[in-house]
Protein backbone atom coordinates (compact mmCIF):
# COMPACT_ATOMS: atom_id res chain seq x y z
CA MET A 1 71.81 -44.08 -79.24
CA THR A 2 75.60 -44.00 -79.45
CA ALA A 3 77.79 -43.04 -76.51
CA PRO A 4 79.30 -39.55 -76.59
CA ALA A 5 82.91 -39.14 -77.60
CA VAL A 6 85.27 -39.69 -74.66
CA GLN A 7 88.85 -38.51 -75.15
CA GLU A 8 91.81 -39.62 -73.05
CA LEU A 9 93.91 -36.69 -71.87
CA GLY A 10 96.56 -38.59 -69.91
CA GLN A 11 96.97 -39.44 -66.21
CA GLY A 12 93.48 -41.02 -66.27
CA ARG A 13 91.77 -37.75 -67.15
CA ARG A 14 89.00 -37.79 -69.80
CA LEU A 15 87.04 -35.30 -71.85
CA ILE A 16 83.35 -35.97 -72.53
CA ASP A 17 81.76 -34.24 -75.52
CA LEU A 18 78.27 -33.14 -74.41
CA ASP A 19 77.01 -32.81 -78.00
CA PHE A 20 75.44 -29.43 -77.25
CA ARG A 21 72.89 -28.37 -79.87
CA ASP A 22 73.42 -31.80 -81.46
CA THR A 23 76.85 -30.59 -82.51
CA GLU A 24 80.19 -32.13 -81.65
CA GLY A 25 83.01 -30.07 -80.23
CA LEU A 26 81.06 -27.24 -78.54
CA VAL A 27 80.71 -28.02 -74.83
CA ALA A 28 83.05 -30.26 -72.83
CA SER A 29 82.87 -31.87 -69.43
CA TYR A 30 85.98 -33.29 -67.82
CA LEU A 31 86.23 -36.46 -65.72
CA LEU A 32 89.11 -36.60 -63.25
CA PRO A 33 90.23 -39.49 -61.01
CA GLY A 34 90.37 -38.80 -57.29
CA PRO A 35 91.71 -40.91 -54.44
CA GLU A 36 88.26 -42.32 -53.58
CA GLY A 37 86.15 -41.63 -56.65
CA TRP A 38 85.81 -39.29 -59.58
CA ALA A 39 85.35 -35.56 -60.07
CA LEU A 40 83.56 -33.76 -62.91
CA VAL A 41 84.35 -30.27 -64.15
CA GLU A 42 81.34 -28.63 -65.91
CA THR A 43 77.86 -30.12 -66.23
CA GLY A 44 76.61 -28.32 -69.32
CA PRO A 45 72.90 -27.49 -69.52
CA SER A 46 70.07 -29.90 -68.72
CA THR A 47 69.69 -30.60 -72.44
CA CYS A 48 73.10 -32.34 -72.22
CA ARG A 49 72.18 -34.45 -69.18
CA ASP A 50 71.79 -37.71 -71.09
CA ALA A 51 75.02 -37.18 -73.01
CA LEU A 52 76.91 -36.55 -69.76
CA ARG A 53 75.48 -39.66 -68.09
CA ARG A 54 76.27 -41.80 -71.13
CA GLY A 55 79.76 -40.33 -71.32
CA VAL A 56 80.46 -41.15 -67.67
CA ALA A 57 79.25 -44.71 -68.31
CA ALA A 58 81.36 -44.99 -71.47
CA ALA A 59 84.38 -44.00 -69.37
CA GLY A 60 83.68 -47.00 -67.13
CA VAL A 61 82.58 -44.91 -64.13
CA GLU A 62 79.52 -45.79 -62.07
CA PRO A 63 77.22 -42.92 -61.00
CA ASP A 64 77.90 -43.43 -57.29
CA GLU A 65 81.65 -43.20 -57.98
CA VAL A 66 81.26 -39.52 -58.90
CA ARG A 67 82.04 -37.71 -55.64
CA GLN A 68 82.56 -34.08 -56.74
CA VAL A 69 81.01 -31.93 -59.43
CA PHE A 70 82.65 -28.55 -60.09
CA VAL A 71 81.50 -25.74 -62.38
CA THR A 72 83.59 -22.77 -63.47
CA HIS A 73 80.60 -20.42 -63.27
CA ILE A 74 76.82 -20.48 -63.28
CA HIS A 75 76.09 -19.51 -66.90
CA LEU A 76 73.70 -22.10 -68.27
CA ASP A 77 76.02 -23.70 -70.82
CA HIS A 78 78.36 -24.55 -67.93
CA ALA A 79 76.11 -25.17 -64.92
CA GLY A 80 72.50 -25.19 -66.09
CA GLY A 81 72.30 -28.97 -65.67
CA MET A 82 73.65 -29.11 -62.13
CA GLY A 83 70.32 -29.47 -60.35
CA ALA A 84 69.13 -32.13 -62.77
CA LEU A 85 72.15 -34.29 -61.83
CA ILE A 86 71.50 -34.38 -58.08
CA ASP A 87 69.80 -37.78 -58.24
CA ASP A 88 72.06 -39.10 -61.00
CA PHE A 89 75.17 -38.72 -58.84
CA PRO A 90 73.78 -39.46 -55.37
CA ARG A 91 77.11 -39.40 -53.51
CA ALA A 92 78.48 -36.25 -55.12
CA THR A 93 79.05 -32.85 -53.54
CA PHE A 94 78.56 -29.94 -55.93
CA TYR A 95 80.81 -26.86 -56.03
CA ALA A 96 80.50 -23.37 -57.51
CA HIS A 97 81.73 -19.89 -56.64
CA GLU A 98 80.05 -18.67 -53.47
CA LEU A 99 78.45 -15.73 -55.35
CA GLY A 100 76.77 -18.18 -57.69
CA VAL A 101 75.56 -20.70 -55.13
CA PRO A 102 72.38 -18.78 -54.12
CA HIS A 103 71.28 -18.69 -57.77
CA LEU A 104 71.76 -22.44 -58.14
CA VAL A 105 69.81 -23.12 -54.95
CA ASP A 106 67.03 -20.77 -56.10
CA PRO A 107 67.33 -20.42 -59.89
CA THR A 108 64.44 -17.96 -60.26
CA ARG A 109 66.71 -15.21 -61.57
CA LEU A 110 68.61 -17.60 -63.85
CA ILE A 111 65.32 -18.72 -65.39
CA ALA A 112 64.12 -15.13 -65.84
CA SER A 113 67.45 -14.12 -67.39
CA ALA A 114 67.31 -17.04 -69.82
CA ARG A 115 63.78 -16.10 -70.83
CA ARG A 116 64.81 -12.48 -71.47
CA ALA A 117 67.90 -13.39 -73.46
CA TRP A 118 66.62 -16.35 -75.48
CA GLY A 119 62.83 -16.03 -75.46
CA PRO A 120 60.95 -19.06 -76.81
CA ALA A 121 64.25 -20.79 -77.70
CA SER A 122 65.26 -20.98 -74.03
CA ASP A 123 63.71 -24.37 -73.25
CA ALA A 124 65.17 -26.05 -76.31
CA LEU A 125 68.64 -24.68 -75.58
CA TRP A 126 68.90 -25.14 -71.84
CA GLY A 127 66.12 -27.47 -70.68
CA PRO A 128 64.75 -27.27 -67.14
CA ILE A 129 66.82 -25.36 -64.59
CA VAL A 130 66.36 -27.43 -61.45
CA PRO A 131 67.20 -26.12 -57.94
CA VAL A 132 70.24 -27.61 -56.21
CA PRO A 133 69.47 -28.58 -52.58
CA SER A 134 71.56 -26.34 -50.34
CA PRO A 135 73.02 -29.27 -48.30
CA ARG A 136 74.55 -30.68 -51.50
CA ILE A 137 76.41 -27.57 -52.70
CA VAL A 138 79.51 -25.82 -51.36
CA GLY A 139 80.75 -22.34 -52.22
CA LEU A 140 84.27 -21.66 -53.47
CA ARG A 141 86.36 -18.50 -53.18
CA GLY A 142 89.64 -19.53 -54.76
CA GLY A 143 92.65 -21.13 -53.12
CA GLU A 144 90.91 -24.40 -52.22
CA ARG A 145 92.70 -27.62 -53.06
CA PHE A 146 91.23 -31.06 -53.74
CA PRO A 147 93.26 -34.27 -54.06
CA LEU A 148 93.38 -36.03 -57.40
CA ARG A 149 95.17 -39.15 -58.47
CA GLY A 150 98.75 -38.06 -59.13
CA GLY A 151 98.25 -34.49 -57.97
CA GLU A 152 95.62 -31.99 -56.89
CA LEU A 153 92.96 -29.68 -58.28
CA ARG A 154 93.53 -26.07 -57.24
CA VAL A 155 90.77 -23.47 -57.43
CA LEU A 156 91.71 -20.13 -59.01
CA ALA A 157 89.53 -17.05 -58.53
CA THR A 158 89.18 -15.68 -62.07
CA PRO A 159 86.50 -12.96 -62.26
CA GLY A 160 86.06 -10.76 -65.29
CA HIS A 161 83.93 -12.85 -67.63
CA ALA A 162 81.61 -13.05 -64.63
CA LYS A 163 82.11 -12.21 -60.99
CA HIS A 164 81.30 -15.82 -60.07
CA HIS A 165 83.96 -17.34 -62.36
CA VAL A 166 86.67 -19.72 -61.18
CA ALA A 167 89.22 -21.79 -63.07
CA PHE A 168 90.90 -25.00 -61.93
CA PHE A 169 94.54 -26.07 -62.14
CA ASP A 170 95.32 -29.80 -62.34
CA SER A 171 98.88 -30.24 -61.13
CA ALA A 172 99.29 -33.70 -62.68
CA LEU A 173 98.58 -32.47 -66.20
CA ARG A 174 99.81 -28.92 -65.51
CA ALA A 175 96.56 -27.88 -67.15
CA VAL A 176 94.09 -25.08 -66.47
CA PHE A 177 90.38 -25.69 -66.92
CA SER A 178 89.66 -22.19 -68.13
CA GLY A 179 85.85 -22.14 -68.36
CA ASP A 180 85.12 -18.95 -70.30
CA GLY A 181 88.00 -17.04 -68.72
CA ALA A 182 90.23 -17.52 -71.78
CA GLY A 183 87.45 -17.41 -74.35
CA VAL A 184 86.53 -20.00 -76.96
CA ARG A 185 88.93 -22.15 -78.99
CA LEU A 186 87.20 -24.86 -80.99
CA PRO A 187 88.84 -28.09 -82.25
CA ALA A 188 91.12 -27.89 -85.27
CA SER A 189 91.40 -24.11 -84.98
CA ALA A 190 93.90 -21.83 -83.26
CA HIS A 191 91.44 -18.93 -83.39
CA LEU A 192 90.32 -17.44 -80.07
CA ARG A 193 86.82 -15.95 -79.81
CA PRO A 194 86.15 -13.48 -76.97
CA ALA A 195 83.56 -14.51 -74.40
CA VAL A 196 82.50 -11.12 -73.05
CA PRO A 197 78.78 -11.16 -72.18
CA PRO A 198 76.73 -8.95 -69.88
CA PRO A 199 75.84 -8.29 -67.16
CA ASP A 200 79.06 -8.11 -65.14
CA LEU A 201 81.87 -8.13 -67.70
CA ASP A 202 84.90 -6.40 -66.17
CA LEU A 203 87.90 -6.15 -68.49
CA GLU A 204 90.40 -5.16 -65.81
CA GLN A 205 89.47 -8.21 -63.76
CA LEU A 206 89.46 -10.40 -66.87
CA PHE A 207 93.02 -9.34 -67.73
CA ALA A 208 94.14 -9.87 -64.13
CA SER A 209 92.58 -13.33 -64.19
CA LEU A 210 94.54 -14.20 -67.31
CA GLU A 211 97.69 -13.44 -65.31
CA THR A 212 96.40 -15.60 -62.44
CA MET A 213 96.05 -18.53 -64.82
CA ARG A 214 99.39 -17.78 -66.48
CA ALA A 215 101.13 -17.82 -63.10
CA THR A 216 100.47 -21.57 -62.87
CA ASP A 217 102.76 -22.01 -65.91
CA PRO A 218 100.28 -24.32 -67.63
CA ALA A 219 101.43 -26.82 -70.21
CA MET A 220 97.93 -26.76 -71.70
CA LEU A 221 94.55 -25.10 -71.40
CA LEU A 222 91.42 -27.23 -71.26
CA PHE A 223 88.64 -25.14 -72.75
CA SER A 224 85.01 -25.73 -71.91
CA HIS A 225 84.49 -24.62 -75.55
CA PHE A 226 86.31 -26.87 -76.50
CA GLY A 227 88.98 -29.29 -75.42
CA PRO A 228 92.76 -29.21 -74.98
CA SER A 229 95.05 -26.57 -76.40
CA PRO A 230 98.76 -27.40 -76.24
CA ASP A 231 99.69 -23.72 -76.41
CA GLY A 232 99.14 -23.20 -72.68
CA ALA A 233 100.31 -19.82 -71.46
CA ARG A 234 100.68 -18.51 -75.02
CA ASP A 235 96.93 -18.72 -75.50
CA LEU A 236 96.43 -16.58 -72.40
CA VAL A 237 98.70 -13.88 -73.84
CA ARG A 238 97.03 -14.09 -77.25
CA TYR A 239 93.58 -13.91 -75.71
CA ARG A 240 94.26 -10.58 -74.06
CA THR A 241 95.29 -9.15 -77.44
CA VAL A 242 92.14 -10.46 -79.12
CA VAL A 243 89.88 -9.02 -76.40
CA GLU A 244 91.67 -5.66 -76.64
CA GLN A 245 91.12 -5.62 -80.39
CA TRP A 246 87.40 -6.32 -80.00
CA ARG A 247 87.18 -3.75 -77.19
CA ASP A 248 88.69 -1.05 -79.39
CA VAL A 249 86.35 -1.85 -82.29
CA ALA A 250 83.34 -1.88 -79.98
CA LEU A 251 84.32 1.35 -78.24
CA ARG A 252 84.73 3.23 -81.51
CA ALA A 253 81.34 1.93 -82.61
CA ALA A 254 79.69 2.79 -79.30
CA ARG A 255 80.95 6.37 -79.51
CA GLU A 256 79.39 6.63 -82.96
CA LYS A 257 76.11 4.95 -82.07
CA PRO A 258 75.64 3.31 -78.63
CA GLU A 259 73.31 0.55 -79.79
CA VAL A 260 73.82 -3.20 -79.49
CA ASP A 261 72.87 -3.87 -83.13
CA TYR A 262 75.46 -1.39 -84.37
CA LEU A 263 78.25 -2.80 -82.18
CA GLU A 264 77.34 -6.31 -83.28
CA ARG A 265 77.65 -5.35 -86.95
CA ARG A 266 81.01 -3.70 -86.44
CA LEU A 267 82.38 -6.69 -84.49
CA ARG A 268 81.15 -9.06 -87.17
CA GLU A 269 82.76 -6.93 -89.90
CA PHE A 270 86.04 -6.85 -87.98
CA ASP A 271 86.03 -10.61 -87.57
CA SER A 272 85.20 -11.18 -91.23
CA ALA A 273 88.08 -8.97 -92.31
CA ASN A 274 90.61 -10.57 -89.97
CA PHE A 275 89.49 -14.19 -89.69
CA GLU A 276 88.71 -15.88 -92.98
CA ASP A 277 87.32 -19.26 -91.85
CA ALA A 278 83.59 -18.51 -91.89
CA SER A 279 82.64 -22.08 -90.92
CA VAL A 280 84.64 -21.87 -87.68
CA ALA A 281 83.24 -18.40 -86.96
CA ASP A 282 79.70 -19.76 -87.36
CA ARG A 283 80.43 -22.61 -84.94
CA GLU A 284 81.98 -20.21 -82.43
CA SER A 285 78.80 -18.16 -82.53
CA LEU A 286 76.84 -21.16 -81.26
CA VAL A 287 78.53 -20.72 -77.87
CA SER A 288 79.72 -17.08 -77.92
CA GLY A 289 77.72 -14.86 -80.23
CA TYR A 290 78.31 -11.34 -81.47
CA VAL A 291 75.08 -9.99 -79.92
CA LEU A 292 76.11 -11.03 -76.41
CA ALA A 293 79.58 -9.58 -76.94
CA ALA A 294 78.13 -6.29 -78.16
CA ALA A 295 75.76 -6.12 -75.20
CA GLY A 296 78.57 -6.96 -72.79
CA PHE A 297 80.89 -4.30 -74.13
CA LEU A 298 78.17 -1.64 -74.25
CA ARG A 299 77.19 -2.24 -70.64
CA TYR A 300 80.86 -2.17 -69.63
CA PHE A 301 81.45 1.13 -71.46
CA GLU A 302 78.36 2.68 -69.90
CA THR A 303 79.10 1.55 -66.35
CA HIS A 304 82.73 2.72 -66.66
CA SER A 305 81.75 6.11 -68.17
CA LEU A 306 83.79 5.49 -71.34
CA LEU A 307 81.34 6.91 -73.86
CA GLY A 308 81.47 10.51 -72.70
CA ARG A 309 80.25 13.39 -74.84
CA ASP A 310 80.91 11.53 -78.08
CA ALA A 311 78.03 9.12 -77.55
CA ARG A 312 75.12 9.87 -79.89
């Protein structure tokens, strides 16, 4: 079995391709040098556990040198593998937003949610969702700072995609690890795909969080899906425009027929008309699909009373 791709980012930072769904360039984990060990940003799901371990080894890092494991939020493609890594990284402390910590300690609701959303495919996609022992995990709020070699890692509260979402700013690279807060941008494409799932999508908070990230004046974004973008703050501005376009399409559709299938079709038609690279669109859907976007928008419109009398 070959080692996963490990990409040098500069200043000793590395990207590990987790080969999610046996596909390169979908889910990234980042390995960062600290003063007394190494930090990871994002674990991926349990199905990527072996790829992550092999990637850490390929980077020349021993398991007991990993001292901190951070996740941007508790959605399974970002944090589903956290509990499975407890024994793999025995000296590490694990970090997530404080609102997400209880669900990582007791993942009953995460498991039930995965079963509802993915049905029989859940196990193959995500693998086992293992509890994280409460003494090993620390909650974040935003504003915390952690030393890194050549700089520091600053925690940014970035709700909107989810209420338990944080981003991280690496001062040495002047880079923001954006999680899903700036959407999806896959390798060799400048296209941005909205990541707007239920249940707690909040567009006002999402737009405010884009400004929070932009205020760091990043030289680059480091997407969890996938990798570095040199466009930095420009991507954050572009992403708001893309989300607004999808919102407007979805709202018109929801006022015609407030059904997820109908919104999905309209979003897909809009994307097909405005983004010609079908192969990239198909790959984007592996990590941020139209159905989830449609369900996220519809719930948002309903909870914000935006459908009104026109809903049929």
